[in-house]
N, C-alpha and C. Protein backbone atom coordinates (compact mmCIF):
# COMPACT_ATOMS: atom_id res chain seq x y z
N UNK A 1 -29.09 3.57 7.42
CA UNK A 1 -28.05 4.38 7.98
C UNK A 1 -27.93 5.70 7.21
N UNK A 2 -27.78 6.81 7.78
CA UNK A 2 -27.65 8.03 7.25
C UNK A 2 -26.21 8.38 7.22
N UNK A 3 -25.56 8.57 6.07
CA UNK A 3 -24.19 8.86 5.95
C UNK A 3 -24.03 10.35 5.37
N UNK A 4 -23.67 11.23 6.29
CA UNK A 4 -23.39 12.57 5.86
C UNK A 4 -22.07 13.10 6.71
N UNK A 5 -21.56 14.11 6.27
CA UNK A 5 -20.20 14.60 6.79
C UNK A 5 -20.27 15.39 7.96
N UNK A 6 -21.44 15.57 8.71
CA UNK A 6 -21.48 16.35 9.83
C UNK A 6 -22.26 15.60 11.06
N UNK A 7 -22.10 16.07 12.17
CA UNK A 7 -22.84 15.43 13.44
C UNK A 7 -24.26 15.88 13.26
N UNK A 8 -25.14 14.81 13.39
CA UNK A 8 -26.52 15.12 13.34
C UNK A 8 -27.11 14.48 14.63
N UNK A 9 -28.21 15.03 15.19
CA UNK A 9 -28.96 14.55 16.34
C UNK A 9 -30.39 14.41 16.02
N UNK A 10 -31.10 13.38 16.62
CA UNK A 10 -32.58 13.27 16.32
C UNK A 10 -33.33 14.45 17.03
N UNK A 11 -34.53 14.81 16.37
CA UNK A 11 -35.38 15.91 16.87
C UNK A 11 -36.42 14.93 17.55
N UNK A 12 -36.43 14.80 18.84
CA UNK A 12 -37.42 13.99 19.62
C UNK A 12 -36.84 12.64 19.54
N UNK A 13 -37.79 11.55 19.80
CA UNK A 13 -37.29 10.24 19.94
C UNK A 13 -38.51 9.31 19.56
N UNK A 14 -38.12 8.05 19.28
CA UNK A 14 -39.12 6.96 19.15
C UNK A 14 -38.54 5.84 19.97
N UNK A 15 -39.47 5.15 20.71
CA UNK A 15 -38.86 3.95 21.41
C UNK A 15 -38.64 2.77 20.27
N UNK A 16 -38.10 1.73 20.77
CA UNK A 16 -37.73 0.73 19.82
C UNK A 16 -38.85 -0.06 19.36
N UNK A 17 -39.98 0.06 19.81
CA UNK A 17 -41.24 -0.59 19.37
C UNK A 17 -42.12 0.33 18.47
N UNK A 18 -41.64 1.57 18.20
CA UNK A 18 -42.40 2.51 17.43
C UNK A 18 -41.74 2.80 16.13
N UNK A 19 -42.49 2.75 15.08
CA UNK A 19 -42.01 3.10 13.70
C UNK A 19 -42.31 4.52 13.31
N UNK A 20 -41.82 5.01 12.26
CA UNK A 20 -42.18 6.32 11.74
C UNK A 20 -41.30 7.49 11.62
N UNK A 21 -41.87 8.55 11.58
CA UNK A 21 -41.16 9.85 11.36
C UNK A 21 -40.13 10.20 12.45
N UNK A 22 -38.92 10.49 12.05
CA UNK A 22 -38.01 11.18 12.93
C UNK A 22 -37.16 12.07 12.08
N UNK A 23 -36.92 13.29 12.60
CA UNK A 23 -36.15 14.23 11.93
C UNK A 23 -34.76 14.21 12.46
N UNK A 24 -33.74 14.24 11.67
CA UNK A 24 -32.42 14.43 12.11
C UNK A 24 -31.76 15.84 11.60
N UNK A 25 -30.99 16.46 12.47
CA UNK A 25 -30.58 17.83 12.13
C UNK A 25 -29.26 18.22 12.82
N UNK A 26 -28.54 19.12 12.25
CA UNK A 26 -27.38 19.61 13.00
C UNK A 26 -27.62 20.96 13.58
N UNK A 27 -28.77 21.36 13.71
CA UNK A 27 -29.24 22.68 14.18
C UNK A 27 -29.89 22.66 15.47
N UNK A 28 -29.20 22.97 16.62
CA UNK A 28 -29.82 22.75 17.91
C UNK A 28 -30.98 23.68 18.17
N UNK A 29 -31.01 24.82 17.56
CA UNK A 29 -32.16 25.83 17.69
C UNK A 29 -33.38 25.12 17.09
N UNK A 30 -33.21 24.49 15.90
CA UNK A 30 -34.37 23.76 15.39
C UNK A 30 -34.89 22.65 16.24
N UNK A 31 -33.94 21.98 16.89
CA UNK A 31 -34.44 20.86 17.81
C UNK A 31 -35.26 21.50 18.84
N UNK A 32 -34.82 22.49 19.41
CA UNK A 32 -35.60 23.17 20.61
C UNK A 32 -36.95 23.68 20.07
N UNK A 33 -36.98 24.25 18.91
CA UNK A 33 -38.23 24.77 18.40
C UNK A 33 -39.26 23.69 18.05
N UNK A 34 -38.79 22.50 17.74
CA UNK A 34 -39.74 21.44 17.34
C UNK A 34 -40.11 20.60 18.58
N UNK A 35 -39.19 20.49 19.58
CA UNK A 35 -39.47 19.55 20.66
C UNK A 35 -40.05 20.27 21.92
N UNK A 36 -39.85 21.55 22.02
CA UNK A 36 -40.41 22.10 23.41
C UNK A 36 -41.85 22.35 23.21
N UNK A 37 -42.53 21.76 24.29
CA UNK A 37 -44.04 21.78 24.32
C UNK A 37 -44.65 23.18 24.08
N UNK A 38 -43.96 24.27 24.48
CA UNK A 38 -44.57 25.57 24.25
C UNK A 38 -44.74 25.94 22.80
N UNK A 39 -44.07 25.31 21.95
CA UNK A 39 -44.25 25.59 20.54
C UNK A 39 -45.32 24.85 19.90
N UNK A 40 -45.78 23.79 20.55
CA UNK A 40 -47.07 23.15 20.14
C UNK A 40 -46.98 22.55 18.73
N UNK A 41 -45.87 21.92 18.42
CA UNK A 41 -45.68 21.13 17.08
C UNK A 41 -46.52 19.83 17.19
N UNK A 42 -47.39 19.59 16.38
CA UNK A 42 -48.27 18.42 16.32
C UNK A 42 -47.45 17.24 15.92
N UNK A 43 -47.64 16.11 16.62
CA UNK A 43 -47.13 14.87 16.12
C UNK A 43 -48.42 13.90 15.99
N UNK A 44 -48.35 13.16 14.86
CA UNK A 44 -49.51 12.45 14.44
C UNK A 44 -49.20 10.88 14.57
N UNK A 45 -49.94 10.18 15.29
CA UNK A 45 -49.68 8.71 15.40
C UNK A 45 -50.81 7.95 15.07
N UNK A 46 -50.52 6.78 14.46
CA UNK A 46 -51.50 5.69 14.18
C UNK A 46 -51.18 4.60 15.15
N UNK A 47 -52.19 4.27 15.94
CA UNK A 47 -52.09 3.30 17.05
C UNK A 47 -53.11 2.24 16.91
N UNK A 48 -52.61 1.05 16.95
CA UNK A 48 -53.49 -0.20 16.92
C UNK A 48 -53.52 -0.84 18.27
N UNK A 49 -54.69 -1.11 18.80
CA UNK A 49 -54.83 -1.43 20.07
C UNK A 49 -55.81 -2.73 20.29
N UNK A 50 -55.53 -3.47 21.24
CA UNK A 50 -56.25 -4.84 21.40
C UNK A 50 -57.58 -4.36 21.99
N UNK A 51 -58.81 -4.77 21.50
CA UNK A 51 -60.03 -4.49 22.07
C UNK A 51 -60.75 -3.33 21.25
N UNK A 52 -61.96 -3.36 21.60
CA UNK A 52 -62.85 -2.22 20.89
C UNK A 52 -62.88 -0.93 21.71
N UNK A 53 -62.41 0.04 21.10
CA UNK A 53 -62.52 1.39 21.60
C UNK A 53 -63.89 2.04 21.47
N UNK A 54 -64.39 2.62 22.53
CA UNK A 54 -65.79 3.26 22.45
C UNK A 54 -65.60 4.74 22.53
N UNK A 55 -66.75 5.43 22.47
CA UNK A 55 -66.72 6.89 22.35
C UNK A 55 -66.34 7.40 23.68
N UNK A 56 -66.55 6.70 24.80
CA UNK A 56 -66.09 7.22 26.21
C UNK A 56 -64.60 7.09 26.20
N UNK A 57 -63.90 6.08 25.67
CA UNK A 57 -62.50 5.96 25.66
C UNK A 57 -62.04 7.17 24.87
N UNK A 58 -62.45 7.42 23.74
CA UNK A 58 -61.87 8.49 22.84
C UNK A 58 -62.18 9.87 23.64
N UNK A 59 -63.27 10.00 24.24
CA UNK A 59 -63.43 11.42 24.98
C UNK A 59 -62.39 11.51 26.02
N UNK A 60 -62.10 10.56 26.76
CA UNK A 60 -61.05 10.59 27.77
C UNK A 60 -59.64 11.11 27.29
N UNK A 61 -59.39 10.56 26.10
CA UNK A 61 -58.15 10.82 25.53
C UNK A 61 -58.21 12.37 25.03
N UNK A 62 -59.38 12.70 24.42
CA UNK A 62 -59.54 14.10 24.02
C UNK A 62 -59.53 15.08 25.15
N UNK A 63 -59.98 14.67 26.36
CA UNK A 63 -59.89 15.59 27.45
C UNK A 63 -58.60 15.64 28.21
N UNK A 64 -57.81 14.61 27.99
CA UNK A 64 -56.58 14.50 28.79
C UNK A 64 -56.69 13.39 29.84
N UNK A 65 -55.68 12.59 30.00
CA UNK A 65 -55.65 11.42 31.00
C UNK A 65 -54.55 11.58 31.88
N UNK A 66 -54.60 10.94 33.05
CA UNK A 66 -53.43 11.10 34.03
C UNK A 66 -52.42 10.00 33.62
N UNK A 67 -51.11 10.32 33.37
CA UNK A 67 -50.06 9.39 33.22
C UNK A 67 -48.91 9.93 34.09
N UNK A 68 -48.33 8.99 34.76
CA UNK A 68 -47.11 9.39 35.61
C UNK A 68 -47.39 10.68 36.40
N UNK A 69 -48.62 10.64 37.12
CA UNK A 69 -48.97 11.81 38.00
C UNK A 69 -49.08 13.18 37.25
N UNK A 70 -49.35 13.09 35.99
CA UNK A 70 -49.48 14.27 35.13
C UNK A 70 -50.70 14.12 34.26
N UNK A 71 -51.51 15.17 33.99
CA UNK A 71 -52.70 15.14 33.07
C UNK A 71 -52.17 15.58 31.80
N UNK A 72 -52.32 14.77 30.85
CA UNK A 72 -51.87 15.19 29.39
C UNK A 72 -52.84 16.30 28.96
N UNK A 73 -52.15 17.00 27.93
CA UNK A 73 -53.03 18.00 27.31
C UNK A 73 -54.03 17.35 26.37
N UNK A 74 -55.13 17.97 26.12
CA UNK A 74 -56.13 17.33 25.16
C UNK A 74 -55.53 16.91 23.93
N UNK A 75 -55.98 15.73 23.45
CA UNK A 75 -55.48 15.19 22.20
C UNK A 75 -56.52 15.26 21.14
N UNK A 76 -56.19 15.32 19.88
CA UNK A 76 -57.07 15.15 18.82
C UNK A 76 -57.16 13.69 18.36
N UNK A 77 -58.27 13.12 18.54
CA UNK A 77 -58.44 11.57 18.41
C UNK A 77 -59.54 11.26 17.45
N UNK A 78 -59.10 10.42 16.51
CA UNK A 78 -60.12 9.97 15.55
C UNK A 78 -60.05 8.42 15.45
N UNK A 79 -61.33 7.68 15.49
CA UNK A 79 -61.27 6.30 15.27
C UNK A 79 -61.16 6.07 13.72
N UNK A 80 -60.14 5.28 13.42
CA UNK A 80 -59.91 4.94 11.96
C UNK A 80 -60.65 3.55 11.55
N UNK A 81 -60.65 2.61 12.55
CA UNK A 81 -61.07 1.34 12.29
C UNK A 81 -61.33 0.57 13.52
N UNK A 82 -62.48 -0.19 13.53
CA UNK A 82 -62.77 -1.13 14.66
C UNK A 82 -63.00 -2.42 13.98
N UNK A 83 -62.12 -3.45 14.28
CA UNK A 83 -62.35 -4.80 13.69
C UNK A 83 -62.72 -5.72 14.80
N UNK A 84 -64.07 -6.10 14.92
CA UNK A 84 -64.57 -6.85 15.87
C UNK A 84 -64.20 -8.36 15.76
N UNK A 85 -63.88 -8.76 14.56
CA UNK A 85 -63.50 -10.13 14.40
C UNK A 85 -62.07 -10.33 14.92
N UNK A 86 -61.17 -9.42 14.66
CA UNK A 86 -59.82 -9.45 15.06
C UNK A 86 -59.66 -8.89 16.50
N UNK A 87 -60.74 -8.31 17.02
CA UNK A 87 -60.71 -7.68 18.30
C UNK A 87 -59.59 -6.51 18.47
N UNK A 88 -59.52 -5.66 17.48
CA UNK A 88 -58.61 -4.59 17.49
C UNK A 88 -59.24 -3.26 17.16
N UNK A 89 -58.71 -2.14 17.63
CA UNK A 89 -59.20 -0.85 17.05
C UNK A 89 -57.91 -0.15 16.70
N UNK A 90 -58.19 0.87 15.65
CA UNK A 90 -57.15 1.68 15.05
C UNK A 90 -57.51 3.07 15.23
N UNK A 91 -56.59 3.86 15.91
CA UNK A 91 -56.94 5.34 16.21
C UNK A 91 -55.87 6.18 15.41
N UNK A 92 -56.19 7.44 15.13
CA UNK A 92 -55.17 8.44 14.94
C UNK A 92 -55.22 9.41 16.08
N UNK A 93 -54.02 9.57 16.65
CA UNK A 93 -53.89 10.59 17.82
C UNK A 93 -52.93 11.57 17.48
N UNK A 94 -53.30 12.77 17.64
CA UNK A 94 -52.49 13.84 17.46
C UNK A 94 -52.26 14.59 18.70
N UNK A 95 -51.02 14.82 19.12
CA UNK A 95 -50.57 15.49 20.28
C UNK A 95 -49.41 16.49 19.94
N UNK A 96 -49.19 17.41 20.92
CA UNK A 96 -48.08 18.41 20.74
C UNK A 96 -47.15 18.16 21.85
N UNK A 97 -47.35 17.34 22.83
CA UNK A 97 -46.43 17.14 23.86
C UNK A 97 -45.47 16.02 23.48
N UNK A 98 -44.56 15.62 24.27
CA UNK A 98 -43.72 14.50 23.88
C UNK A 98 -43.14 13.84 25.14
N UNK A 99 -44.04 13.51 26.14
CA UNK A 99 -43.47 12.90 27.24
C UNK A 99 -43.11 11.36 26.92
N UNK A 100 -42.29 10.80 27.76
CA UNK A 100 -41.74 9.51 27.45
C UNK A 100 -42.83 8.44 27.33
N UNK A 101 -42.81 7.85 26.17
CA UNK A 101 -43.87 6.75 25.83
C UNK A 101 -45.28 7.17 26.04
N UNK A 102 -45.55 8.50 25.78
CA UNK A 102 -46.74 9.14 26.12
C UNK A 102 -48.10 8.46 25.45
N UNK A 103 -47.97 8.30 24.10
CA UNK A 103 -49.17 7.59 23.46
C UNK A 103 -49.44 6.28 24.06
N UNK A 104 -48.46 5.47 24.30
CA UNK A 104 -48.63 4.19 25.01
C UNK A 104 -49.30 4.22 26.29
N UNK A 105 -48.85 5.14 27.08
CA UNK A 105 -49.26 5.35 28.44
C UNK A 105 -50.72 5.97 28.46
N UNK A 106 -50.99 6.82 27.45
CA UNK A 106 -52.41 7.36 27.32
C UNK A 106 -53.33 6.14 26.97
N UNK A 107 -52.95 5.23 26.19
CA UNK A 107 -53.70 4.19 25.92
C UNK A 107 -53.94 3.20 27.07
N UNK A 108 -52.86 2.94 27.81
CA UNK A 108 -52.97 2.26 29.01
C UNK A 108 -54.11 2.89 30.09
N UNK A 109 -54.07 4.14 30.03
CA UNK A 109 -55.02 4.85 30.86
C UNK A 109 -56.47 4.62 30.55
N UNK A 110 -56.81 4.23 29.32
CA UNK A 110 -58.06 3.81 29.02
C UNK A 110 -58.31 2.26 28.89
N UNK A 111 -57.25 1.68 29.52
CA UNK A 111 -57.21 0.11 29.58
C UNK A 111 -57.20 -0.56 28.23
N UNK A 112 -56.31 -0.06 27.40
CA UNK A 112 -56.12 -0.65 26.07
C UNK A 112 -54.56 -0.92 25.91
N UNK A 113 -54.19 -1.99 25.28
CA UNK A 113 -52.81 -2.44 25.16
C UNK A 113 -52.50 -2.02 23.63
N UNK A 114 -51.42 -1.42 23.38
CA UNK A 114 -50.97 -0.99 22.14
C UNK A 114 -50.19 -2.16 21.49
N UNK A 115 -50.58 -2.59 20.26
CA UNK A 115 -49.75 -3.64 19.67
C UNK A 115 -49.16 -3.19 18.46
N UNK A 116 -49.37 -1.94 17.93
CA UNK A 116 -48.60 -1.22 16.94
C UNK A 116 -48.73 0.23 17.08
N UNK A 117 -47.59 0.89 16.97
CA UNK A 117 -47.58 2.38 17.05
C UNK A 117 -46.61 2.95 15.93
N UNK A 118 -47.11 3.96 15.13
CA UNK A 118 -46.46 4.56 14.00
C UNK A 118 -46.60 6.11 14.09
N UNK A 119 -45.51 6.83 14.14
CA UNK A 119 -45.55 8.27 14.00
C UNK A 119 -45.66 8.52 12.52
N UNK A 120 -46.73 9.05 12.07
CA UNK A 120 -46.81 9.36 10.60
C UNK A 120 -46.54 10.67 10.23
N UNK A 121 -46.48 11.70 11.14
CA UNK A 121 -46.25 13.09 10.78
C UNK A 121 -45.55 13.73 11.98
N UNK A 122 -44.68 14.67 11.63
CA UNK A 122 -44.26 15.77 12.65
C UNK A 122 -44.61 17.12 11.96
N UNK A 123 -45.54 17.89 12.69
CA UNK A 123 -46.13 18.97 11.92
C UNK A 123 -46.78 18.57 10.57
N UNK A 124 -46.49 19.07 9.51
CA UNK A 124 -47.16 18.59 8.17
C UNK A 124 -46.20 17.76 7.39
N UNK A 125 -45.05 17.50 7.95
CA UNK A 125 -44.18 16.49 7.27
C UNK A 125 -44.43 15.06 7.67
N UNK A 126 -44.90 14.23 6.60
CA UNK A 126 -45.15 12.87 6.71
C UNK A 126 -44.07 11.98 6.12
N UNK A 127 -44.34 10.66 6.39
CA UNK A 127 -43.40 9.65 5.85
C UNK A 127 -44.09 8.59 4.99
N UNK A 128 -45.21 9.18 4.48
CA UNK A 128 -46.16 8.13 3.74
C UNK A 128 -45.34 7.56 2.47
N UNK A 129 -44.50 8.43 1.85
CA UNK A 129 -43.77 7.86 0.63
C UNK A 129 -42.48 7.19 0.92
N UNK A 130 -42.05 7.12 2.14
CA UNK A 130 -40.84 6.47 2.43
C UNK A 130 -41.01 5.06 2.99
N UNK A 131 -40.15 4.13 2.48
CA UNK A 131 -40.13 2.76 3.08
C UNK A 131 -39.31 2.78 4.34
N UNK A 132 -39.46 1.78 5.14
CA UNK A 132 -38.77 1.66 6.48
C UNK A 132 -37.27 1.57 6.10
N UNK A 133 -36.52 2.50 6.91
CA UNK A 133 -35.19 2.65 6.71
C UNK A 133 -34.71 3.62 5.61
N UNK A 134 -35.64 4.09 4.91
CA UNK A 134 -35.23 5.22 3.99
C UNK A 134 -35.22 6.47 4.57
N UNK A 135 -34.53 7.49 3.92
CA UNK A 135 -34.51 8.87 4.38
C UNK A 135 -34.42 9.77 3.23
N UNK A 136 -34.77 10.98 3.50
CA UNK A 136 -34.49 12.14 2.57
C UNK A 136 -34.31 13.40 3.30
N UNK A 137 -33.76 14.36 2.49
CA UNK A 137 -33.58 15.66 2.94
C UNK A 137 -34.92 16.51 2.92
N UNK A 138 -35.13 17.34 3.93
CA UNK A 138 -36.31 18.08 3.97
C UNK A 138 -36.12 19.41 3.12
N UNK A 139 -37.09 19.86 2.44
CA UNK A 139 -36.92 21.12 1.66
C UNK A 139 -37.07 22.22 2.50
N UNK A 140 -36.62 23.42 2.20
CA UNK A 140 -36.76 24.64 2.94
C UNK A 140 -38.12 24.93 3.13
N UNK A 141 -39.05 24.61 2.27
CA UNK A 141 -40.41 24.91 2.55
C UNK A 141 -40.99 23.99 3.63
N UNK A 142 -40.61 22.71 3.62
CA UNK A 142 -40.99 21.98 4.76
C UNK A 142 -40.42 22.32 6.11
N UNK A 143 -39.18 22.74 6.24
CA UNK A 143 -38.64 23.21 7.47
C UNK A 143 -39.42 24.52 7.86
N UNK A 144 -39.68 25.37 6.84
CA UNK A 144 -40.40 26.70 7.24
C UNK A 144 -41.78 26.25 7.75
N UNK A 145 -42.51 25.21 7.22
CA UNK A 145 -43.77 24.96 7.55
C UNK A 145 -43.91 24.49 9.05
N UNK A 146 -42.85 23.92 9.49
CA UNK A 146 -42.81 23.45 10.91
C UNK A 146 -42.64 24.60 11.87
N UNK A 147 -41.65 25.55 11.49
CA UNK A 147 -41.38 26.60 12.36
C UNK A 147 -41.87 27.95 12.08
N UNK A 148 -42.81 27.95 11.15
CA UNK A 148 -43.24 29.39 10.55
C UNK A 148 -43.76 30.32 11.60
N UNK A 149 -44.50 29.77 12.69
CA UNK A 149 -45.10 30.64 13.63
C UNK A 149 -44.34 30.89 14.85
N UNK A 150 -43.07 30.31 14.95
CA UNK A 150 -42.20 30.34 16.15
C UNK A 150 -41.49 31.69 16.34
């Protein structure tokens, strides 16, 4: 729980089955700058899928897939691990859109079921050093790194 003396709102959202980075702020202009797709702020996800992902699957995600009658923008996708014994694959997916449950739906579009999803970064700000439930203030340098070109 974050206890501060002013009203704060989340910058974007995570569904209840997704862990990871979320920024809270009291600055509506900052929310707009980070969440509006025209600003192309990258969100980085680590996704674990059932089954073996192949190069064709990765290329489809890179090219954009149809979800909810909409073609996603190209994603930056990297295979992190394929475990044939456990029958899982782990990918890093970087997108700058933020459609509802987008990464999950993108994976469904290549016929893969997500079993774990973690947003590791928003822009250049990551959560690598934080435990689940921990929070910290962003530095001015971090805030500037997100909105520097906007």
